[in-house]
Amino acid sequence: MNYIGPFKDVVYPNVDREPRIARYRIALIPQAAGARAIVHLLRSAAVDSQVHIPDAAFDTVLNRIVGMQLPGVRLDRIQFVVQTDEELVAYPIRFNALDLAPRNGFRSRGSKDLAVHIRSHDIVGGSVSFYVDRDEGKPVSARLEKVLRQI
C-alpha cells in the first residue's frame, strides 16, 4: 500500500536571499527490501508565482525537508523527485564524505589520511548535508509517475 502525505510548504532563500515557498509532500512506497521515502517537490509557476525554484535551491530545500520530516532515515531509502507541469524527474542524492564525523572520535595523526569505507545505508538524514546531483536527473518510471500524480 502506498502512502502519500498532503502537500506542505517549506521556506527557502532565493538567489537574492529573499524568502520563497516551495510545495512538497512525502510518499512512502513499499518495496521488496523495505519502504522508500520519496520527497516530491513541485516546481511550477502556479506554486511559486514569483519564479521557478532555481536548481541551486534544490540542495537547501531538500535538506530542510529531510531535516524536518526524515531525520534518521537512510540515504539509500530516500528519493528526490521534482515535478514540473509536464514531467517528473528523479535526481540522485549525494553527500560529502568529508562532512562525516569519526564515529569513535579517532582522528588520524600526521599527514596520512585513513581510508574509510562508506556505504549509502550508513548515511542518514540529519547526519550530513545532502546535495542534489542535477546532472544525473532521469525521468521517473511510469508506475511511480502514476502514483505521484494522484492528488
N, C-alpha and C. Protein backbone atom coordinates (compact mmCIF):
# COMPACT_ATOMS: atom_id res chain seq x y z
N MET A 1 0.84 -1.18 0.00
CA MET A 1 0.00 0.00 0.00
C MET A 1 0.88 1.24 0.00
N ASN A 2 0.58 2.17 -0.86
CA ASN A 2 1.32 3.42 -0.95
C ASN A 2 0.74 4.44 0.01
N TYR A 3 1.60 5.27 0.58
CA TYR A 3 1.15 6.38 1.40
C TYR A 3 1.63 7.66 0.75
N ILE A 4 0.72 8.59 0.55
CA ILE A 4 1.08 9.89 0.01
C ILE A 4 0.53 10.94 0.94
N GLY A 5 1.42 11.68 1.58
CA GLY A 5 1.00 12.71 2.52
C GLY A 5 0.50 13.95 1.80
N PRO A 6 -0.10 14.86 2.55
CA PRO A 6 -0.57 16.11 1.96
C PRO A 6 0.60 17.02 1.59
N PHE A 7 0.34 17.93 0.66
CA PHE A 7 1.38 18.90 0.31
C PHE A 7 1.58 19.86 1.47
N LYS A 8 2.85 20.20 1.70
CA LYS A 8 3.24 21.13 2.75
C LYS A 8 4.12 22.20 2.13
N ASP A 9 4.35 23.25 2.89
CA ASP A 9 5.22 24.34 2.44
C ASP A 9 6.56 24.26 3.15
N VAL A 10 7.60 24.62 2.42
CA VAL A 10 8.92 24.80 3.02
C VAL A 10 9.44 26.14 2.52
N VAL A 11 10.01 26.91 3.43
CA VAL A 11 10.54 28.23 3.09
C VAL A 11 12.03 28.09 2.82
N TYR A 12 12.49 28.72 1.75
CA TYR A 12 13.91 28.68 1.39
C TYR A 12 14.31 30.05 0.86
N PRO A 13 15.60 30.39 0.89
CA PRO A 13 16.03 31.68 0.35
C PRO A 13 16.29 31.59 -1.15
N ASN A 14 15.85 32.63 -1.88
CA ASN A 14 16.16 32.65 -3.32
C ASN A 14 17.57 33.23 -3.50
N VAL A 15 17.96 33.49 -4.73
CA VAL A 15 19.32 33.96 -5.00
C VAL A 15 19.59 35.33 -4.39
N ASP A 16 18.54 36.13 -4.16
CA ASP A 16 18.70 37.44 -3.53
C ASP A 16 18.50 37.36 -2.02
N ARG A 17 18.44 36.13 -1.48
CA ARG A 17 18.27 35.86 -0.05
C ARG A 17 16.90 36.29 0.47
N GLU A 18 15.92 36.39 -0.43
CA GLU A 18 14.55 36.68 -0.05
C GLU A 18 13.83 35.37 0.19
N PRO A 19 12.85 35.33 1.09
CA PRO A 19 12.15 34.07 1.35
C PRO A 19 11.23 33.68 0.20
N ARG A 20 11.24 32.41 -0.10
CA ARG A 20 10.34 31.83 -1.10
C ARG A 20 9.71 30.59 -0.50
N ILE A 21 8.63 30.15 -1.10
CA ILE A 21 7.93 28.97 -0.61
C ILE A 21 7.91 27.91 -1.70
N ALA A 22 8.22 26.69 -1.31
CA ALA A 22 8.12 25.54 -2.21
C ALA A 22 7.09 24.58 -1.62
N ARG A 23 6.41 23.86 -2.48
CA ARG A 23 5.42 22.87 -2.05
C ARG A 23 6.03 21.49 -2.24
N TYR A 24 5.82 20.63 -1.23
CA TYR A 24 6.35 19.27 -1.30
C TYR A 24 5.43 18.34 -0.53
N ARG A 25 5.63 17.08 -0.74
CA ARG A 25 4.98 16.05 0.06
C ARG A 25 5.88 14.84 0.13
N ILE A 26 5.61 13.98 1.09
CA ILE A 26 6.38 12.76 1.25
C ILE A 26 5.48 11.60 0.85
N ALA A 27 6.01 10.73 0.02
CA ALA A 27 5.30 9.50 -0.35
C ALA A 27 6.13 8.32 0.15
N LEU A 28 5.47 7.32 0.70
CA LEU A 28 6.14 6.09 1.11
C LEU A 28 5.67 4.99 0.19
N ILE A 29 6.62 4.39 -0.51
CA ILE A 29 6.32 3.35 -1.49
C ILE A 29 6.97 2.06 -0.99
N PRO A 30 6.16 1.01 -0.75
CA PRO A 30 6.75 -0.25 -0.30
C PRO A 30 7.53 -0.93 -1.42
N GLN A 31 8.62 -1.57 -1.04
CA GLN A 31 9.44 -2.34 -1.98
C GLN A 31 9.82 -3.64 -1.32
N ALA A 32 10.41 -4.53 -2.07
CA ALA A 32 10.79 -5.84 -1.54
C ALA A 32 11.74 -5.70 -0.35
N ALA A 33 12.66 -4.75 -0.40
CA ALA A 33 13.65 -4.60 0.66
C ALA A 33 13.24 -3.54 1.69
N GLY A 34 11.98 -3.17 1.74
CA GLY A 34 11.51 -2.14 2.68
C GLY A 34 10.87 -0.99 1.93
N ALA A 35 10.55 0.06 2.65
CA ALA A 35 9.87 1.21 2.03
C ALA A 35 10.88 2.25 1.55
N ARG A 36 10.48 2.99 0.54
CA ARG A 36 11.28 4.11 0.02
C ARG A 36 10.50 5.38 0.29
N ALA A 37 11.16 6.38 0.87
CA ALA A 37 10.56 7.69 1.10
C ALA A 37 10.89 8.57 -0.10
N ILE A 38 9.86 9.10 -0.73
CA ILE A 38 10.05 9.95 -1.90
C ILE A 38 9.68 11.38 -1.53
N VAL A 39 10.64 12.28 -1.67
CA VAL A 39 10.39 13.70 -1.48
C VAL A 39 9.93 14.21 -2.84
N HIS A 40 8.66 14.58 -2.92
CA HIS A 40 8.02 15.01 -4.17
C HIS A 40 7.88 16.52 -4.14
N LEU A 41 8.70 17.23 -4.91
CA LEU A 41 8.74 18.69 -4.92
C LEU A 41 8.05 19.21 -6.17
N LEU A 42 7.16 20.18 -5.99
CA LEU A 42 6.51 20.82 -7.14
C LEU A 42 7.35 22.01 -7.58
N ARG A 43 7.54 22.10 -8.87
CA ARG A 43 8.32 23.21 -9.44
C ARG A 43 7.52 23.78 -10.60
N SER A 44 6.63 24.72 -10.28
CA SER A 44 5.82 25.30 -11.34
C SER A 44 5.48 26.74 -10.99
N ALA A 45 5.13 27.49 -12.01
CA ALA A 45 4.78 28.89 -11.80
C ALA A 45 3.51 29.01 -10.98
N ALA A 46 2.64 28.01 -11.04
CA ALA A 46 1.40 28.06 -10.27
C ALA A 46 1.67 27.97 -8.78
N VAL A 47 2.72 27.28 -8.39
CA VAL A 47 3.06 27.11 -6.98
C VAL A 47 3.83 28.31 -6.46
N ASP A 48 4.85 28.71 -7.16
CA ASP A 48 5.68 29.84 -6.76
C ASP A 48 5.55 30.90 -7.85
N SER A 49 4.60 31.80 -7.68
CA SER A 49 4.28 32.74 -8.75
C SER A 49 5.40 33.72 -9.05
N GLN A 50 6.35 33.89 -8.12
CA GLN A 50 7.40 34.85 -8.36
C GLN A 50 8.45 34.30 -9.33
N VAL A 51 8.83 33.04 -9.19
CA VAL A 51 9.87 32.47 -10.03
C VAL A 51 9.89 30.96 -9.81
N HIS A 52 10.33 30.23 -10.80
CA HIS A 52 10.52 28.79 -10.61
C HIS A 52 11.60 28.56 -9.56
N ILE A 53 11.53 27.44 -8.89
CA ILE A 53 12.58 27.10 -7.93
C ILE A 53 13.87 26.90 -8.72
N PRO A 54 14.90 27.68 -8.47
CA PRO A 54 16.15 27.51 -9.22
C PRO A 54 16.84 26.21 -8.79
N ASP A 55 17.58 25.63 -9.72
CA ASP A 55 18.30 24.39 -9.42
C ASP A 55 19.18 24.53 -8.19
N ALA A 56 19.79 25.70 -8.02
CA ALA A 56 20.69 25.90 -6.89
C ALA A 56 19.97 25.80 -5.55
N ALA A 57 18.66 26.02 -5.53
CA ALA A 57 17.90 25.95 -4.28
C ALA A 57 17.50 24.52 -3.94
N PHE A 58 17.65 23.58 -4.85
CA PHE A 58 17.28 22.19 -4.58
C PHE A 58 17.98 21.66 -3.32
N ASP A 59 19.27 21.95 -3.17
CA ASP A 59 20.02 21.46 -2.02
C ASP A 59 19.42 21.98 -0.71
N THR A 60 19.15 23.28 -0.67
CA THR A 60 18.60 23.89 0.53
C THR A 60 17.23 23.31 0.85
N VAL A 61 16.39 23.23 -0.16
CA VAL A 61 15.03 22.71 0.04
C VAL A 61 15.08 21.26 0.50
N LEU A 62 15.88 20.43 -0.16
CA LEU A 62 15.98 19.02 0.22
C LEU A 62 16.46 18.87 1.66
N ASN A 63 17.48 19.60 2.06
CA ASN A 63 18.00 19.48 3.42
C ASN A 63 16.99 19.96 4.46
N ARG A 64 16.22 20.99 4.15
CA ARG A 64 15.18 21.44 5.09
C ARG A 64 14.11 20.37 5.25
N ILE A 65 13.68 19.77 4.14
CA ILE A 65 12.64 18.75 4.20
C ILE A 65 13.14 17.53 4.96
N VAL A 66 14.33 17.06 4.62
CA VAL A 66 14.89 15.88 5.30
C VAL A 66 15.08 16.17 6.79
N GLY A 67 15.56 17.36 7.10
CA GLY A 67 15.77 17.73 8.50
C GLY A 67 14.48 17.77 9.30
N MET A 68 13.38 18.19 8.66
CA MET A 68 12.10 18.29 9.36
C MET A 68 11.34 16.97 9.36
N GLN A 69 11.36 16.25 8.24
CA GLN A 69 10.47 15.12 8.05
C GLN A 69 11.16 13.75 8.09
N LEU A 70 12.43 13.69 7.72
CA LEU A 70 13.09 12.39 7.56
C LEU A 70 14.41 12.25 8.32
N PRO A 71 14.55 12.85 9.51
CA PRO A 71 15.83 12.66 10.21
C PRO A 71 15.98 11.19 10.62
N GLY A 72 17.17 10.66 10.42
CA GLY A 72 17.43 9.27 10.78
C GLY A 72 17.10 8.27 9.70
N VAL A 73 16.46 8.68 8.61
CA VAL A 73 16.13 7.77 7.51
C VAL A 73 17.36 7.60 6.64
N ARG A 74 17.66 6.36 6.26
CA ARG A 74 18.85 6.07 5.47
C ARG A 74 18.79 6.72 4.09
N LEU A 75 19.93 7.20 3.65
CA LEU A 75 20.03 7.85 2.34
C LEU A 75 19.57 6.93 1.22
N ASP A 76 19.90 5.65 1.30
CA ASP A 76 19.51 4.75 0.21
C ASP A 76 18.01 4.45 0.21
N ARG A 77 17.26 5.01 1.13
CA ARG A 77 15.82 4.86 1.21
C ARG A 77 15.09 6.16 0.91
N ILE A 78 15.83 7.20 0.49
CA ILE A 78 15.23 8.49 0.15
C ILE A 78 15.44 8.75 -1.34
N GLN A 79 14.39 9.19 -2.00
CA GLN A 79 14.48 9.56 -3.41
C GLN A 79 13.92 10.97 -3.56
N PHE A 80 14.53 11.77 -4.41
CA PHE A 80 14.12 13.15 -4.64
C PHE A 80 13.55 13.28 -6.04
N VAL A 81 12.26 13.64 -6.12
CA VAL A 81 11.57 13.76 -7.41
C VAL A 81 11.03 15.17 -7.53
N VAL A 82 11.34 15.81 -8.64
CA VAL A 82 10.88 17.17 -8.91
C VAL A 82 9.88 17.12 -10.05
N GLN A 83 8.71 17.73 -9.82
CA GLN A 83 7.65 17.74 -10.83
C GLN A 83 7.50 19.13 -11.40
N THR A 84 7.67 19.23 -12.71
CA THR A 84 7.28 20.44 -13.43
C THR A 84 5.88 20.14 -13.96
N ASP A 85 5.31 21.07 -14.69
CA ASP A 85 3.95 20.86 -15.18
C ASP A 85 3.83 19.60 -16.02
N GLU A 86 4.84 19.30 -16.81
CA GLU A 86 4.73 18.20 -17.76
C GLU A 86 5.54 16.95 -17.43
N GLU A 87 6.52 17.02 -16.55
CA GLU A 87 7.35 15.84 -16.30
C GLU A 87 7.77 15.71 -14.85
N LEU A 88 8.12 14.48 -14.48
CA LEU A 88 8.67 14.16 -13.16
C LEU A 88 10.08 13.63 -13.37
N VAL A 89 11.04 14.22 -12.67
CA VAL A 89 12.44 13.84 -12.81
C VAL A 89 12.98 13.44 -11.44
N ALA A 90 13.63 12.29 -11.38
CA ALA A 90 14.27 11.82 -10.15
C ALA A 90 15.74 12.21 -10.20
N TYR A 91 16.20 12.83 -9.13
CA TYR A 91 17.59 13.26 -9.04
C TYR A 91 18.30 12.44 -7.96
N PRO A 92 19.50 11.96 -8.24
CA PRO A 92 20.27 11.27 -7.20
C PRO A 92 20.65 12.24 -6.08
N ILE A 93 20.72 11.71 -4.88
CA ILE A 93 21.12 12.50 -3.72
C ILE A 93 22.54 12.08 -3.34
N ARG A 94 23.41 13.04 -3.18
CA ARG A 94 24.80 12.79 -2.82
C ARG A 94 25.12 13.46 -1.48
N PHE A 95 26.29 13.17 -0.95
CA PHE A 95 26.76 13.81 0.26
C PHE A 95 28.27 13.93 0.17
N ASN A 96 28.83 14.81 0.99
CA ASN A 96 30.27 15.00 1.03
C ASN A 96 30.81 14.16 2.18
N ALA A 97 31.61 13.16 1.86
CA ALA A 97 32.14 12.27 2.89
C ALA A 97 33.03 13.01 3.89
N LEU A 98 33.59 14.14 3.51
CA LEU A 98 34.43 14.90 4.43
C LEU A 98 33.61 15.52 5.56
N ASP A 99 32.28 15.60 5.39
CA ASP A 99 31.42 16.14 6.43
C ASP A 99 31.17 15.15 7.56
N LEU A 100 31.49 13.89 7.34
CA LEU A 100 31.22 12.88 8.35
C LEU A 100 32.19 13.01 9.52
N ALA A 101 31.66 12.99 10.71
CA ALA A 101 32.50 12.99 11.90
C ALA A 101 32.90 11.55 12.20
N PRO A 102 34.11 11.35 12.68
CA PRO A 102 34.52 9.98 13.03
C PRO A 102 33.60 9.42 14.11
N ARG A 103 33.24 8.13 13.99
CA ARG A 103 32.31 7.51 14.93
C ARG A 103 32.85 7.45 16.35
N ASN A 104 34.11 7.09 16.49
CA ASN A 104 34.66 6.89 17.83
C ASN A 104 35.58 8.03 18.26
N GLY A 105 35.55 9.12 17.52
CA GLY A 105 36.40 10.25 17.88
C GLY A 105 37.84 10.09 17.45
N PHE A 106 38.21 8.95 16.84
CA PHE A 106 39.57 8.70 16.40
C PHE A 106 39.88 9.55 15.18
N ARG A 107 40.94 10.26 15.24
CA ARG A 107 41.38 11.05 14.09
C ARG A 107 42.80 10.63 13.75
N SER A 108 43.09 10.65 12.46
CA SER A 108 44.43 10.25 12.06
C SER A 108 45.42 11.34 12.47
N ARG A 109 46.64 10.91 12.76
CA ARG A 109 47.70 11.85 13.13
C ARG A 109 48.69 11.93 11.99
N GLY A 110 49.30 13.04 11.89
CA GLY A 110 50.30 13.20 10.84
C GLY A 110 49.66 13.61 9.53
N SER A 111 50.39 13.36 8.46
CA SER A 111 49.92 13.80 7.16
C SER A 111 49.15 12.73 6.39
N LYS A 112 49.03 11.54 6.95
CA LYS A 112 48.34 10.46 6.24
C LYS A 112 46.88 10.39 6.68
N ASP A 113 46.01 10.26 5.70
CA ASP A 113 44.59 10.07 5.99
C ASP A 113 44.31 8.58 6.02
N LEU A 114 43.34 8.20 6.81
CA LEU A 114 42.93 6.80 6.87
C LEU A 114 41.86 6.54 5.84
N ALA A 115 41.94 5.41 5.19
CA ALA A 115 40.90 5.03 4.24
C ALA A 115 39.69 4.54 5.02
N VAL A 116 38.52 4.99 4.61
CA VAL A 116 37.28 4.61 5.27
C VAL A 116 36.30 4.17 4.20
N HIS A 117 35.61 3.06 4.44
CA HIS A 117 34.60 2.59 3.50
C HIS A 117 33.24 3.10 3.98
N ILE A 118 32.56 3.85 3.14
CA ILE A 118 31.26 4.41 3.49
C ILE A 118 30.23 3.90 2.50
N ARG A 119 29.16 3.33 3.03
CA ARG A 119 28.05 2.87 2.19
C ARG A 119 26.86 3.80 2.40
N SER A 120 26.02 3.93 1.38
CA SER A 120 24.90 4.87 1.48
C SER A 120 23.94 4.51 2.59
N HIS A 121 23.84 3.23 2.97
CA HIS A 121 22.91 2.91 4.05
C HIS A 121 23.48 3.25 5.43
N ASP A 122 24.74 3.67 5.47
CA ASP A 122 25.32 4.16 6.72
C ASP A 122 25.03 5.65 6.94
N ILE A 123 24.56 6.34 5.91
CA ILE A 123 24.30 7.77 5.98
C ILE A 123 22.81 7.98 6.18
N VAL A 124 22.46 8.79 7.17
CA VAL A 124 21.05 9.04 7.45
C VAL A 124 20.77 10.53 7.43
N GLY A 125 19.50 10.85 7.21
CA GLY A 125 19.07 12.24 7.21
C GLY A 125 19.43 12.93 8.50
N GLY A 126 20.01 14.11 8.40
CA GLY A 126 20.41 14.86 9.57
C GLY A 126 21.86 14.64 9.97
N SER A 127 22.52 13.61 9.41
CA SER A 127 23.92 13.35 9.79
C SER A 127 24.89 14.20 8.98
N VAL A 128 24.56 14.48 7.74
CA VAL A 128 25.38 15.32 6.87
C VAL A 128 24.44 16.10 5.96
N SER A 129 24.98 17.09 5.29
CA SER A 129 24.20 17.82 4.30
C SER A 129 24.15 17.02 3.01
N PHE A 130 22.98 16.96 2.43
CA PHE A 130 22.80 16.30 1.14
C PHE A 130 22.86 17.34 0.04
N TYR A 131 23.23 16.91 -1.14
CA TYR A 131 23.10 17.77 -2.30
C TYR A 131 22.54 16.97 -3.45
N VAL A 132 21.88 17.68 -4.35
CA VAL A 132 21.19 17.07 -5.48
C VAL A 132 22.11 17.07 -6.68
N ASP A 133 22.28 15.90 -7.28
CA ASP A 133 23.11 15.77 -8.48
C ASP A 133 22.24 16.12 -9.69
N ARG A 134 22.20 17.39 -10.02
CA ARG A 134 21.31 17.89 -11.08
C ARG A 134 21.68 17.36 -12.47
N ASP A 135 22.93 16.97 -12.66
CA ASP A 135 23.35 16.47 -13.97
C ASP A 135 22.87 15.05 -14.24
N GLU A 136 22.53 14.31 -13.19
CA GLU A 136 22.16 12.90 -13.35
C GLU A 136 20.65 12.66 -13.24
N GLY A 137 19.85 13.70 -13.34
CA GLY A 137 18.40 13.55 -13.26
C GLY A 137 17.85 12.72 -14.40
N LYS A 138 16.89 11.84 -14.08
CA LYS A 138 16.28 10.97 -15.09
C LYS A 138 14.77 10.94 -14.88
N PRO A 139 14.00 10.79 -15.95
CA PRO A 139 12.55 10.67 -15.79
C PRO A 139 12.21 9.47 -14.92
N VAL A 140 11.16 9.62 -14.10
CA VAL A 140 10.75 8.53 -13.23
C VAL A 140 10.04 7.45 -14.04
N SER A 141 9.90 6.28 -13.46
CA SER A 141 9.21 5.18 -14.13
C SER A 141 7.72 5.52 -14.28
N ALA A 142 7.07 4.85 -15.20
CA ALA A 142 5.64 5.08 -15.44
C ALA A 142 4.82 4.74 -14.19
N ARG A 143 5.21 3.68 -13.48
CA ARG A 143 4.49 3.29 -12.27
C ARG A 143 4.59 4.37 -11.20
N LEU A 144 5.80 4.89 -10.97
CA LEU A 144 5.98 5.92 -9.97
C LEU A 144 5.28 7.22 -10.38
N GLU A 145 5.32 7.53 -11.65
CA GLU A 145 4.63 8.74 -12.13
C GLU A 145 3.13 8.64 -11.85
N LYS A 146 2.57 7.48 -12.11
CA LYS A 146 1.14 7.27 -11.85
C LYS A 146 0.80 7.46 -10.38
N VAL A 147 1.66 6.94 -9.49
CA VAL A 147 1.44 7.06 -8.06
C VAL A 147 1.54 8.52 -7.63
N LEU A 148 2.58 9.24 -8.09
CA LEU A 148 2.80 10.61 -7.65
C LEU A 148 1.82 11.60 -8.25
N ARG A 149 1.24 11.30 -9.37
CA ARG A 149 0.26 12.23 -9.97
C ARG A 149 -1.10 12.14 -9.30
N GLN A 150 -1.28 11.18 -8.40
CA GLN A 150 -2.51 11.11 -7.62
C GLN A 150 -2.55 12.33 -6.71
N ILE A 151 -3.68 12.93 -6.62
CA ILE A 151 -3.77 14.13 -5.77
C ILE A 151 -4.68 13.87 -4.59
